[in-house]
């Protein structure tokens, strides 16, 4: 799914007040972390991830890994903070995605 400019702008505004849920350290991104990130996205649709100073990975590498493995959309990368979006599989958790799709029309 490719997000348009208005959709990304809306998601950035929604993510502004969020605190990062996950931190990537020197251990990098492992299978357990990918599973937890996917579960968090399934319930929240929009999360932030923070890269710690001791990590060897760049934000771009982490973003590419997440996009390829859990099929999420990287909305924004600011410094060492990533904003991720993925449509929730269950209808009851879809609070943000209907508004995002309405902006795309």
PDB file of N, CA and C in Angstrom:
ATOM      1  N   UNK A   1       0.853  -1.173   0.000  1.00  0.00           N
ATOM      2  CA  UNK A   1       0.000   0.000   0.000  1.00  0.00           C
ATOM      3  C   UNK A   1       0.896   1.232   0.000  1.00  0.00           C
ATOM      4  N   UNK A   2       0.648   2.098  -0.943  1.00  0.00           N
ATOM      5  CA  UNK A   2       1.414   3.337  -1.035  1.00  0.00           C
ATOM      6  C   UNK A   2       0.547   4.483  -0.537  1.00  0.00           C
ATOM      7  N   UNK A   3       1.029   5.180   0.468  1.00  0.00           N
ATOM      8  CA  UNK A   3       0.270   6.290   1.043  1.00  0.00           C
ATOM      9  C   UNK A   3       0.535   7.577   0.262  1.00  0.00           C
ATOM     10  N   UNK A   4      -0.504   8.380   0.117  1.00  0.00           N
ATOM     11  CA  UNK A   4      -0.380   9.676  -0.554  1.00  0.00           C
ATOM     12  C   UNK A   4       0.035  10.737   0.471  1.00  0.00           C
ATOM     13  N   UNK A   5       0.338  11.921  -0.021  1.00  0.00           N
ATOM     14  CA  UNK A   5       0.832  13.004   0.828  1.00  0.00           C
ATOM     15  C   UNK A   5      -0.111  13.388   1.956  1.00  0.00           C
ATOM     16  N   UNK A   6      -1.401  13.526   1.636  1.00  0.00           N
ATOM     17  CA  UNK A   6      -2.373  13.898   2.665  1.00  0.00           C
ATOM     18  C   UNK A   6      -2.495  12.817   3.729  1.00  0.00           C
ATOM     19  N   UNK A   7      -2.422  11.567   3.292  1.00  0.00           N
ATOM     20  CA  UNK A   7      -2.523  10.453   4.241  1.00  0.00           C
ATOM     21  C   UNK A   7      -1.326  10.436   5.189  1.00  0.00           C
ATOM     22  N   UNK A   8      -0.142  10.633   4.639  1.00  0.00           N
ATOM     23  CA  UNK A   8       1.059  10.655   5.480  1.00  0.00           C
ATOM     24  C   UNK A   8       1.033  11.835   6.443  1.00  0.00           C
ATOM     25  N   UNK A   9       0.570  12.970   5.971  1.00  0.00           N
ATOM     26  CA  UNK A   9       0.485  14.151   6.823  1.00  0.00           C
ATOM     27  C   UNK A   9      -0.466  13.900   7.988  1.00  0.00           C
ATOM     28  N   UNK A  10      -1.605  13.262   7.713  1.00  0.00           N
ATOM     29  CA  UNK A  10      -2.569  12.931   8.768  1.00  0.00           C
ATOM     30  C   UNK A  10      -1.945  11.969   9.779  1.00  0.00           C
ATOM     31  N   UNK A  11      -1.252  10.949   9.287  1.00  0.00           N
ATOM     32  CA  UNK A  11      -0.632   9.970  10.183  1.00  0.00           C
ATOM     33  C   UNK A  11       0.474  10.597  11.026  1.00  0.00           C
ATOM     34  N   UNK A  12       1.243  11.500  10.435  1.00  0.00           N
ATOM     35  CA  UNK A  12       2.282  12.188  11.204  1.00  0.00           C
ATOM     36  C   UNK A  12       1.665  13.016  12.321  1.00  0.00           C
ATOM     37  N   UNK A  13       0.542  13.660  12.025  1.00  0.00           N
ATOM     38  CA  UNK A  13      -0.141  14.457  13.052  1.00  0.00           C
ATOM     39  C   UNK A  13      -0.659  13.569  14.176  1.00  0.00           C
ATOM     40  N   UNK A  14      -1.182  12.395  13.830  1.00  0.00           N
ATOM     41  CA  UNK A  14      -1.689  11.470  14.841  1.00  0.00           C
ATOM     42  C   UNK A  14      -0.546  10.880  15.680  1.00  0.00           C
ATOM     43  N   UNK A  15       0.608  10.685  15.068  1.00  0.00           N
ATOM     44  CA  UNK A  15       1.740  10.071  15.759  1.00  0.00           C
ATOM     45  C   UNK A  15       2.531  11.060  16.602  1.00  0.00           C
ATOM     46  N   UNK A  16       2.291  12.340  16.413  1.00  0.00           N
ATOM     47  CA  UNK A  16       3.081  13.361  17.100  1.00  0.00           C
ATOM     48  C   UNK A  16       3.085  13.178  18.621  1.00  0.00           C
ATOM     49  N   UNK A  17       1.945  12.869  19.196  1.00  0.00           N
ATOM     50  CA  UNK A  17       1.846  12.774  20.657  1.00  0.00           C
ATOM     51  C   UNK A  17       2.199  11.383  21.193  1.00  0.00           C
ATOM     52  N   UNK A  18       2.457  10.414  20.326  1.00  0.00           N
ATOM     53  CA  UNK A  18       2.766   9.061  20.778  1.00  0.00           C
ATOM     54  C   UNK A  18       4.192   8.959  21.313  1.00  0.00           C
ATOM     55  N   UNK A  19       4.361   8.106  22.302  1.00  0.00           N
ATOM     56  CA  UNK A  19       5.696   7.774  22.785  1.00  0.00           C
ATOM     57  C   UNK A  19       6.162   6.496  22.086  1.00  0.00           C
ATOM     58  N   UNK A  20       7.468   6.341  21.864  1.00  0.00           N
ATOM     59  CA  UNK A  20       7.953   5.115  21.224  1.00  0.00           C
ATOM     60  C   UNK A  20       7.621   3.875  22.065  1.00  0.00           C
ATOM     61  N   UNK A  21       7.111   2.842  21.405  1.00  0.00           N
ATOM     62  CA  UNK A  21       6.765   1.594  22.092  1.00  0.00           C
ATOM     63  C   UNK A  21       7.937   0.631  22.149  1.00  0.00           C
ATOM     64  N   UNK A  22       8.815   0.689  21.155  1.00  0.00           N
ATOM     65  CA  UNK A  22       9.922  -0.246  21.073  1.00  0.00           C
ATOM     66  C   UNK A  22      11.229   0.515  20.920  1.00  0.00           C
ATOM     67  N   UNK A  23      12.299  -0.118  21.408  1.00  0.00           N
ATOM     68  CA  UNK A  23      13.628   0.449  21.279  1.00  0.00           C
ATOM     69  C   UNK A  23      14.537  -0.599  20.653  1.00  0.00           C
ATOM     70  N   UNK A  24      15.260  -0.192  19.630  1.00  0.00           N
ATOM     71  CA  UNK A  24      16.205  -1.078  18.969  1.00  0.00           C
ATOM     72  C   UNK A  24      17.591  -0.735  19.487  1.00  0.00           C
ATOM     73  N   UNK A  25      18.244  -1.713  20.108  1.00  0.00           N
ATOM     74  CA  UNK A  25      19.570  -1.498  20.676  1.00  0.00           C
ATOM     75  C   UNK A  25      20.640  -2.229  19.897  1.00  0.00           C
ATOM     76  N   UNK A  26      21.717  -2.596  20.586  1.00  0.00           N
ATOM     77  CA  UNK A  26      22.835  -3.224  19.889  1.00  0.00           C
ATOM     78  C   UNK A  26      22.508  -4.638  19.420  1.00  0.00           C
ATOM     79  N   UNK A  27      21.459  -5.230  19.974  1.00  0.00           N
ATOM     80  CA  UNK A  27      21.037  -6.554  19.510  1.00  0.00           C
ATOM     81  C   UNK A  27      20.342  -6.509  18.165  1.00  0.00           C
ATOM     82  N   UNK A  28      19.950  -5.326  17.728  1.00  0.00           N
ATOM     83  CA  UNK A  28      19.292  -5.188  16.443  1.00  0.00           C
ATOM     84  C   UNK A  28      17.840  -5.631  16.493  1.00  0.00           C
ATOM     85  N   UNK A  29      17.310  -5.971  15.340  1.00  0.00           N
ATOM     86  CA  UNK A  29      15.912  -6.409  15.224  1.00  0.00           C
ATOM     87  C   UNK A  29      15.920  -7.924  15.081  1.00  0.00           C
ATOM     88  N   UNK A  30      15.339  -8.614  16.069  1.00  0.00           N
ATOM     89  CA  UNK A  30      15.291 -10.074  16.015  1.00  0.00           C
ATOM     90  C   UNK A  30      13.865 -10.556  15.762  1.00  0.00           C
ATOM     91  N   UNK A  31      13.696 -11.859  15.645  1.00  0.00           N
ATOM     92  CA  UNK A  31      12.387 -12.441  15.327  1.00  0.00           C
ATOM     93  C   UNK A  31      11.342 -12.113  16.390  1.00  0.00           C
ATOM     94  N   UNK A  32      11.738 -12.168  17.659  1.00  0.00           N
ATOM     95  CA  UNK A  32      10.789 -11.890  18.751  1.00  0.00           C
ATOM     96  C   UNK A  32      10.309 -10.438  18.690  1.00  0.00           C
ATOM     97  N   UNK A  33      11.234  -9.529  18.410  1.00  0.00           N
ATOM     98  CA  UNK A  33      10.854  -8.118  18.312  1.00  0.00           C
ATOM     99  C   UNK A  33       9.920  -7.897  17.126  1.00  0.00           C
ATOM    100  N   UNK A  34      10.203  -8.537  15.994  1.00  0.00           N
ATOM    101  CA  UNK A  34       9.331  -8.417  14.821  1.00  0.00           C
ATOM    102  C   UNK A  34       7.924  -8.900  15.136  1.00  0.00           C
ATOM    103  N   UNK A  35       7.836  -9.989  15.874  1.00  0.00           N
ATOM    104  CA  UNK A  35       6.530 -10.538  16.255  1.00  0.00           C
ATOM    105  C   UNK A  35       5.772  -9.549  17.152  1.00  0.00           C
ATOM    106  N   UNK A  36       6.468  -8.965  18.121  1.00  0.00           N
ATOM    107  CA  UNK A  36       5.837  -8.010  19.032  1.00  0.00           C
ATOM    108  C   UNK A  36       5.413  -6.725  18.306  1.00  0.00           C
ATOM    109  N   UNK A  37       6.237  -6.255  17.384  1.00  0.00           N
ATOM    110  CA  UNK A  37       5.890  -5.061  16.611  1.00  0.00           C
ATOM    111  C   UNK A  37       4.654  -5.336  15.763  1.00  0.00           C
ATOM    112  N   UNK A  38       4.601  -6.511  15.141  1.00  0.00           N
ATOM    113  CA  UNK A  38       3.444  -6.864  14.324  1.00  0.00           C
ATOM    114  C   UNK A  38       2.170  -6.940  15.169  1.00  0.00           C
ATOM    115  N   UNK A  39       2.278  -7.504  16.365  1.00  0.00           N
ATOM    116  CA  UNK A  39       1.117  -7.583  17.268  1.00  0.00           C
ATOM    117  C   UNK A  39       0.672  -6.188  17.710  1.00  0.00           C
ATOM    118  N   UNK A  40       1.631  -5.307  17.994  1.00  0.00           N
ATOM    119  CA  UNK A  40       1.284  -3.946  18.401  1.00  0.00           C
ATOM    120  C   UNK A  40       0.609  -3.190  17.261  1.00  0.00           C
ATOM    121  N   UNK A  41       1.096  -3.377  16.049  1.00  0.00           N
ATOM    122  CA  UNK A  41       0.474  -2.727  14.900  1.00  0.00           C
ATOM    123  C   UNK A  41      -0.929  -3.268  14.635  1.00  0.00           C
ATOM    124  N   UNK A  42      -1.138  -4.545  14.941  1.00  0.00           N
ATOM    125  CA  UNK A  42      -2.456  -5.151  14.735  1.00  0.00           C
ATOM    126  C   UNK A  42      -3.502  -4.540  15.669  1.00  0.00           C
ATOM    127  N   UNK A  43      -3.063  -4.036  16.808  1.00  0.00           N
ATOM    128  CA  UNK A  43      -4.009  -3.454  17.755  1.00  0.00           C
ATOM    129  C   UNK A  43      -4.045  -1.930  17.718  1.00  0.00           C
ATOM    130  N   UNK A  44      -2.951  -1.289  17.345  1.00  0.00           N
ATOM    131  CA  UNK A  44      -2.884   0.180  17.409  1.00  0.00           C
ATOM    132  C   UNK A  44      -2.867   0.850  16.040  1.00  0.00           C
ATOM    133  N   UNK A  45      -2.390   0.162  15.032  1.00  0.00           N
ATOM    134  CA  UNK A  45      -2.247   0.651  13.654  1.00  0.00           C
ATOM    135  C   UNK A  45      -1.128   1.666  13.468  1.00  0.00           C
ATOM    136  N   UNK A  46      -0.783   2.414  14.476  1.00  0.00           N
ATOM    137  CA  UNK A  46       0.234   3.458  14.350  1.00  0.00           C
ATOM    138  C   UNK A  46       1.128   3.429  15.582  1.00  0.00           C
ATOM    139  N   UNK A  47       2.429   3.207  15.386  1.00  0.00           N
ATOM    140  CA  UNK A  47       3.366   3.161  16.513  1.00  0.00           C
ATOM    141  C   UNK A  47       4.660   3.880  16.142  1.00  0.00           C
ATOM    142  N   UNK A  48       5.435   4.167  17.186  1.00  0.00           N
ATOM    143  CA  UNK A  48       6.770   4.733  17.017  1.00  0.00           C
ATOM    144  C   UNK A  48       7.798   3.733  17.543  1.00  0.00           C
ATOM    145  N   UNK A  49       8.965   3.724  16.892  1.00  0.00           N
ATOM    146  CA  UNK A  49      10.088   2.897  17.318  1.00  0.00           C
ATOM    147  C   UNK A  49      11.305   3.800  17.426  1.00  0.00           C
ATOM    148  N   UNK A  50      12.043   3.654  18.520  1.00  0.00           N
ATOM    149  CA  UNK A  50      13.218   4.478  18.790  1.00  0.00           C
ATOM    150  C   UNK A  50      14.478   3.632  18.623  1.00  0.00           C
ATOM    151  N   UNK A  51      15.488   4.157  17.952  1.00  0.00           N
ATOM    152  CA  UNK A  51      16.779   3.493  17.834  1.00  0.00           C
ATOM    153  C   UNK A  51      17.717   4.090  18.873  1.00  0.00           C
ATOM    154  N   UNK A  52      18.284   3.239  19.703  1.00  0.00           N
ATOM    155  CA  UNK A  52      19.198   3.704  20.740  1.00  0.00           C
ATOM    156  C   UNK A  52      20.560   4.050  20.143  1.00  0.00           C
ATOM    157  N   UNK A  53      21.369   4.779  20.918  1.00  0.00           N
ATOM    158  CA  UNK A  53      22.685   5.211  20.431  1.00  0.00           C
ATOM    159  C   UNK A  53      23.624   4.047  20.182  1.00  0.00           C
ATOM    160  N   UNK A  54      23.472   2.955  20.921  1.00  0.00           N
ATOM    161  CA  UNK A  54      24.427   1.857  20.805  1.00  0.00           C
ATOM    162  C   UNK A  54      24.098   0.882  19.678  1.00  0.00           C
ATOM    163  N   UNK A  55      23.085   1.146  18.870  1.00  0.00           N
ATOM    164  CA  UNK A  55      22.758   0.250  17.771  1.00  0.00           C
ATOM    165  C   UNK A  55      23.688   0.481  16.587  1.00  0.00           C
ATOM    166  N   UNK A  56      23.982  -0.607  15.878  1.00  0.00           N
ATOM    167  CA  UNK A  56      24.840  -0.525  14.699  1.00  0.00           C
ATOM    168  C   UNK A  56      24.021  -0.275  13.434  1.00  0.00           C
ATOM    169  N   UNK A  57      22.707  -0.360  13.538  1.00  0.00           N
ATOM    170  CA  UNK A  57      21.831  -0.217  12.386  1.00  0.00           C
ATOM    171  C   UNK A  57      21.454   1.244  12.156  1.00  0.00           C
ATOM    172  N   UNK A  58      21.239   1.588  10.906  1.00  0.00           N
ATOM    173  CA  UNK A  58      20.736   2.921  10.578  1.00  0.00           C
ATOM    174  C   UNK A  58      19.209   2.861  10.560  1.00  0.00           C
ATOM    175  N   UNK A  59      18.547   3.999  10.710  1.00  0.00           N
ATOM    176  CA  UNK A  59      17.084   4.002  10.641  1.00  0.00           C
ATOM    177  C   UNK A  59      16.555   3.448   9.310  1.00  0.00           C
ATOM    178  N   UNK A  60      17.269   3.704   8.233  1.00  0.00           N
ATOM    179  CA  UNK A  60      16.867   3.187   6.929  1.00  0.00           C
ATOM    180  C   UNK A  60      16.914   1.668   6.861  1.00  0.00           C
ATOM    181  N   UNK A  61      17.939   1.074   7.459  1.00  0.00           N
ATOM    182  CA  UNK A  61      18.059  -0.390   7.484  1.00  0.00           C
ATOM    183  C   UNK A  61      16.930  -1.017   8.298  1.00  0.00           C
ATOM    184  N   UNK A  62      16.629  -0.415   9.442  1.00  0.00           N
ATOM    185  CA  UNK A  62      15.534  -0.934  10.282  1.00  0.00           C
ATOM    186  C   UNK A  62      14.209  -0.799   9.545  1.00  0.00           C
ATOM    187  N   UNK A  63      13.990   0.345   8.893  1.00  0.00           N
ATOM    188  CA  UNK A  63      12.748   0.568   8.149  1.00  0.00           C
ATOM    189  C   UNK A  63      12.593  -0.458   7.031  1.00  0.00           C
ATOM    190  N   UNK A  64      13.668  -0.722   6.314  1.00  0.00           N
ATOM    191  CA  UNK A  64      13.613  -1.709   5.219  1.00  0.00           C
ATOM    192  C   UNK A  64      13.322  -3.104   5.752  1.00  0.00           C
ATOM    193  N   UNK A  65      13.946  -3.464   6.856  1.00  0.00           N
ATOM    194  CA  UNK A  65      13.699  -4.773   7.467  1.00  0.00           C
ATOM    195  C   UNK A  65      12.243  -4.917   7.868  1.00  0.00           C
ATOM    196  N   UNK A  66      11.688  -3.883   8.507  1.00  0.00           N
ATOM    197  CA  UNK A  66      10.296  -3.941   8.956  1.00  0.00           C
ATOM    198  C   UNK A  66       9.332  -3.988   7.776  1.00  0.00           C
ATOM    199  N   UNK A  67       9.591  -3.224   6.732  1.00  0.00           N
ATOM    200  CA  UNK A  67       8.718  -3.227   5.568  1.00  0.00           C
ATOM    201  C   UNK A  67       8.722  -4.591   4.879  1.00  0.00           C
ATOM    202  N   UNK A  68       9.884  -5.219   4.796  1.00  0.00           N
ATOM    203  CA  UNK A  68       9.985  -6.500   4.104  1.00  0.00           C
ATOM    204  C   UNK A  68       9.422  -7.661   4.907  1.00  0.00           C
ATOM    205  N   UNK A  69       9.501  -7.598   6.227  1.00  0.00           N
ATOM    206  CA  UNK A  69       9.089  -8.748   7.030  1.00  0.00           C
ATOM    207  C   UNK A  69       7.655  -8.667   7.523  1.00  0.00           C
ATOM    208  N   UNK A  70       7.200  -7.505   7.979  1.00  0.00           N
ATOM    209  CA  UNK A  70       5.837  -7.445   8.522  1.00  0.00           C
ATOM    210  C   UNK A  70       4.902  -6.610   7.656  1.00  0.00           C
ATOM    211  N   UNK A  71       5.361  -6.191   6.481  1.00  0.00           N
ATOM    212  CA  UNK A  71       4.526  -5.512   5.502  1.00  0.00           C
ATOM    213  C   UNK A  71       3.808  -4.290   6.087  1.00  0.00           C
ATOM    214  N   UNK A  72       4.580  -3.421   6.718  1.00  0.00           N
ATOM    215  CA  UNK A  72       4.013  -2.190   7.266  1.00  0.00           C
ATOM    216  C   UNK A  72       4.525  -1.011   6.440  1.00  0.00           C
ATOM    217  N   UNK A  73       3.913   0.115   6.625  1.00  0.00           N
ATOM    218  CA  UNK A  73       4.290   1.329   5.910  1.00  0.00           C
ATOM    219  C   UNK A  73       5.081   2.236   6.854  1.00  0.00           C
ATOM    220  N   UNK A  74       6.265   2.659   6.438  1.00  0.00           N
ATOM    221  CA  UNK A  74       7.046   3.608   7.220  1.00  0.00           C
ATOM    222  C   UNK A  74       6.562   5.000   6.830  1.00  0.00           C
ATOM    223  N   UNK A  75       5.896   5.661   7.767  1.00  0.00           N
ATOM    224  CA  UNK A  75       5.308   6.969   7.500  1.00  0.00           C
ATOM    225  C   UNK A  75       6.381   8.048   7.530  1.00  0.00           C
ATOM    226  N   UNK A  76       7.276   7.958   8.514  1.00  0.00           N
ATOM    227  CA  UNK A  76       8.263   9.017   8.690  1.00  0.00           C
ATOM    228  C   UNK A  76       9.464   8.498   9.459  1.00  0.00           C
ATOM    229  N   UNK A  77      10.623   9.037   9.130  1.00  0.00           N
ATOM    230  CA  UNK A  77      11.844   8.786   9.895  1.00  0.00           C
ATOM    231  C   UNK A  77      12.393  10.146  10.287  1.00  0.00           C
ATOM    232  N   UNK A  78      12.445  10.384  11.600  1.00  0.00           N
ATOM    233  CA  UNK A  78      13.017  11.627  12.109  1.00  0.00           C
ATOM    234  C   UNK A  78      14.171  11.244  13.020  1.00  0.00           C
ATOM    235  N   UNK A  79      15.377  11.540  12.589  1.00  0.00           N
ATOM    236  CA  UNK A  79      16.543  11.181  13.386  1.00  0.00           C
ATOM    237  C   UNK A  79      16.585   9.681  13.598  1.00  0.00           C
ATOM    238  N   UNK A  80      16.387   9.262  14.830  1.00  0.00           N
ATOM    239  CA  UNK A  80      16.407   7.836  15.147  1.00  0.00           C
ATOM    240  C   UNK A  80      15.042   7.330  15.595  1.00  0.00           C
ATOM    241  N   UNK A  81      13.986   8.005  15.145  1.00  0.00           N
ATOM    242  CA  UNK A  81      12.620   7.596  15.475  1.00  0.00           C
ATOM    243  C   UNK A  81      11.877   7.266  14.187  1.00  0.00           C
ATOM    244  N   UNK A  82      11.253   6.079  14.153  1.00  0.00           N
ATOM    245  CA  UNK A  82      10.466   5.656  13.005  1.00  0.00           C
ATOM    246  C   UNK A  82       8.997   5.650  13.380  1.00  0.00           C
ATOM    247  N   UNK A  83       8.148   6.082  12.463  1.00  0.00           N
ATOM    248  CA  UNK A  83       6.697   6.026  12.640  1.00  0.00           C
ATOM    249  C   UNK A  83       6.177   4.987  11.655  1.00  0.00           C
ATOM    250  N   UNK A  84       5.490   3.960  12.179  1.00  0.00           N
ATOM    251  CA  UNK A  84       4.995   2.861  11.360  1.00  0.00           C
ATOM    252  C   UNK A  84       3.480   2.813  11.355  1.00  0.00           C
ATOM    253  N   UNK A  85       2.922   2.408  10.206  1.00  0.00           N
ATOM    254  CA  UNK A  85       1.469   2.265  10.066  1.00  0.00           C
ATOM    255  C   UNK A  85       1.166   0.953   9.365  1.00  0.00           C
ATOM    256  N   UNK A  86       0.147   0.270   9.856  1.00  0.00           N
ATOM    257  CA  UNK A  86      -0.351  -0.948   9.211  1.00  0.00           C
ATOM    258  C   UNK A  86      -1.830  -1.078   9.558  1.00  0.00           C
ATOM    259  N   UNK A  87      -2.628  -1.403   8.573  1.00  0.00           N
ATOM    260  CA  UNK A  87      -4.070  -1.560   8.791  1.00  0.00           C
ATOM    261  C   UNK A  87      -4.296  -2.783   9.672  1.00  0.00           C
ATOM    262  N   UNK A  88      -5.115  -2.614  10.705  1.00  0.00           N
ATOM    263  CA  UNK A  88      -5.412  -3.711  11.625  1.00  0.00           C
ATOM    264  C   UNK A  88      -6.224  -4.784  10.912  1.00  0.00           C
ATOM    265  N   UNK A  89      -5.894  -6.059  11.131  1.00  0.00           N
ATOM    266  CA  UNK A  89      -6.644  -7.130  10.474  1.00  0.00           C
ATOM    267  C   UNK A  89      -8.076  -7.272  11.009  1.00  0.00           C
ATOM    268  N   UNK A  90      -8.296  -6.942  12.263  1.00  0.00           N
ATOM    269  CA  UNK A  90      -9.630  -7.044  12.854  1.00  0.00           C
ATOM    270  C   UNK A  90     -10.332  -5.693  12.789  1.00  0.00           C
ATOM    271  N   UNK A  91     -11.598  -5.735  12.456  1.00  0.00           N
ATOM    272  CA  UNK A  91     -12.408  -4.527  12.277  1.00  0.00           C
ATOM    273  C   UNK A  91     -12.478  -3.674  13.548  1.00  0.00           C
ATOM    274  N   UNK A  92     -12.548  -4.324  14.714  1.00  0.00           N
ATOM    275  CA  UNK A  92     -12.740  -3.567  15.959  1.00  0.00           C
ATOM    276  C   UNK A  92     -11.538  -2.696  16.323  1.00  0.00           C
ATOM    277  N   UNK A  93     -10.351  -2.986  15.769  1.00  0.00           N
ATOM    278  CA  UNK A  93      -9.162  -2.195  16.072  1.00  0.00           C
ATOM    279  C   UNK A  93      -8.892  -1.119  15.027  1.00  0.00           C
ATOM    280  N   UNK A  94      -9.702  -1.034  14.008  1.00  0.00           N
ATOM    281  CA  UNK A  94      -9.495  -0.043  12.946  1.00  0.00           C
ATOM    282  C   UNK A  94     -10.097   1.297  13.344  1.00  0.00           C
ATOM    283  N   UNK A  95      -9.283   2.128  13.936  1.00  0.00           N
ATOM    284  CA  UNK A  95      -9.726   3.462  14.333  1.00  0.00           C
ATOM    285  C   UNK A  95      -9.111   4.537  13.433  1.00  0.00           C
ATOM    286  N   UNK A  96      -7.904   4.308  12.988  1.00  0.00           N
ATOM    287  CA  UNK A  96      -7.184   5.304  12.193  1.00  0.00           C
ATOM    288  C   UNK A  96      -7.333   5.047  10.694  1.00  0.00           C
ATOM    289  N   UNK A  97      -7.302   3.788  10.287  1.00  0.00           N
ATOM    290  CA  UNK A  97      -7.278   3.473   8.857  1.00  0.00           C
ATOM    291  C   UNK A  97      -8.505   3.951   8.076  1.00  0.00           C
ATOM    292  N   UNK A  98      -9.738   3.936   8.618  1.00  0.00           N
ATOM    293  CA  UNK A  98     -10.857   4.479   7.819  1.00  0.00           C
ATOM    294  C   UNK A  98     -10.667   5.954   7.462  1.00  0.00           C
ATOM    295  N   UNK A  99     -10.108   6.725   8.398  1.00  0.00           N
ATOM    296  CA  UNK A  99      -9.861   8.144   8.138  1.00  0.00           C
ATOM    297  C   UNK A  99      -8.743   8.323   7.104  1.00  0.00           C
ATOM    298  N   UNK A 100      -7.741   7.442   7.174  1.00  0.00           N
ATOM    299  CA  UNK A 100      -6.633   7.510   6.222  1.00  0.00           C
ATOM    300  C   UNK A 100      -7.135   7.213   4.817  1.00  0.00           C
ATOM    301  N   UNK A 101      -7.970   6.183   4.678  1.00  0.00           N
ATOM    302  CA  UNK A 101      -8.475   5.824   3.349  1.00  0.00           C
ATOM    303  C   UNK A 101      -9.448   6.874   2.816  1.00  0.00           C
ATOM    304  N   UNK A 102     -10.174   7.547   3.699  1.00  0.00           N
ATOM    305  CA  UNK A 102     -11.088   8.604   3.277  1.00  0.00           C
ATOM    306  C   UNK A 102     -10.298   9.783   2.675  1.00  0.00           C
ATOM    307  N   UNK A 103      -9.093  10.016   3.192  1.00  0.00           N
ATOM    308  CA  UNK A 103      -8.256  11.093   2.666  1.00  0.00           C
ATOM    309  C   UNK A 103      -7.683  10.749   1.295  1.00  0.00           C
ATOM    310  N   UNK A 104      -7.586   9.471   0.992  1.00  0.00           N
ATOM    311  CA  UNK A 104      -6.995   9.039  -0.272  1.00  0.00           C
ATOM    312  C   UNK A 104      -7.926   9.140  -1.447  1.00  0.00           C
ATOM    313  N   UNK A 105      -9.186   9.386  -1.197  1.00  0.00           N
ATOM    314  CA  UNK A 105     -10.164   9.438  -2.293  1.00  0.00           C
ATOM    315  C   UNK A 105     -10.196  10.792  -2.950  1.00  0.00           C
TER     316      UNK A 105
END
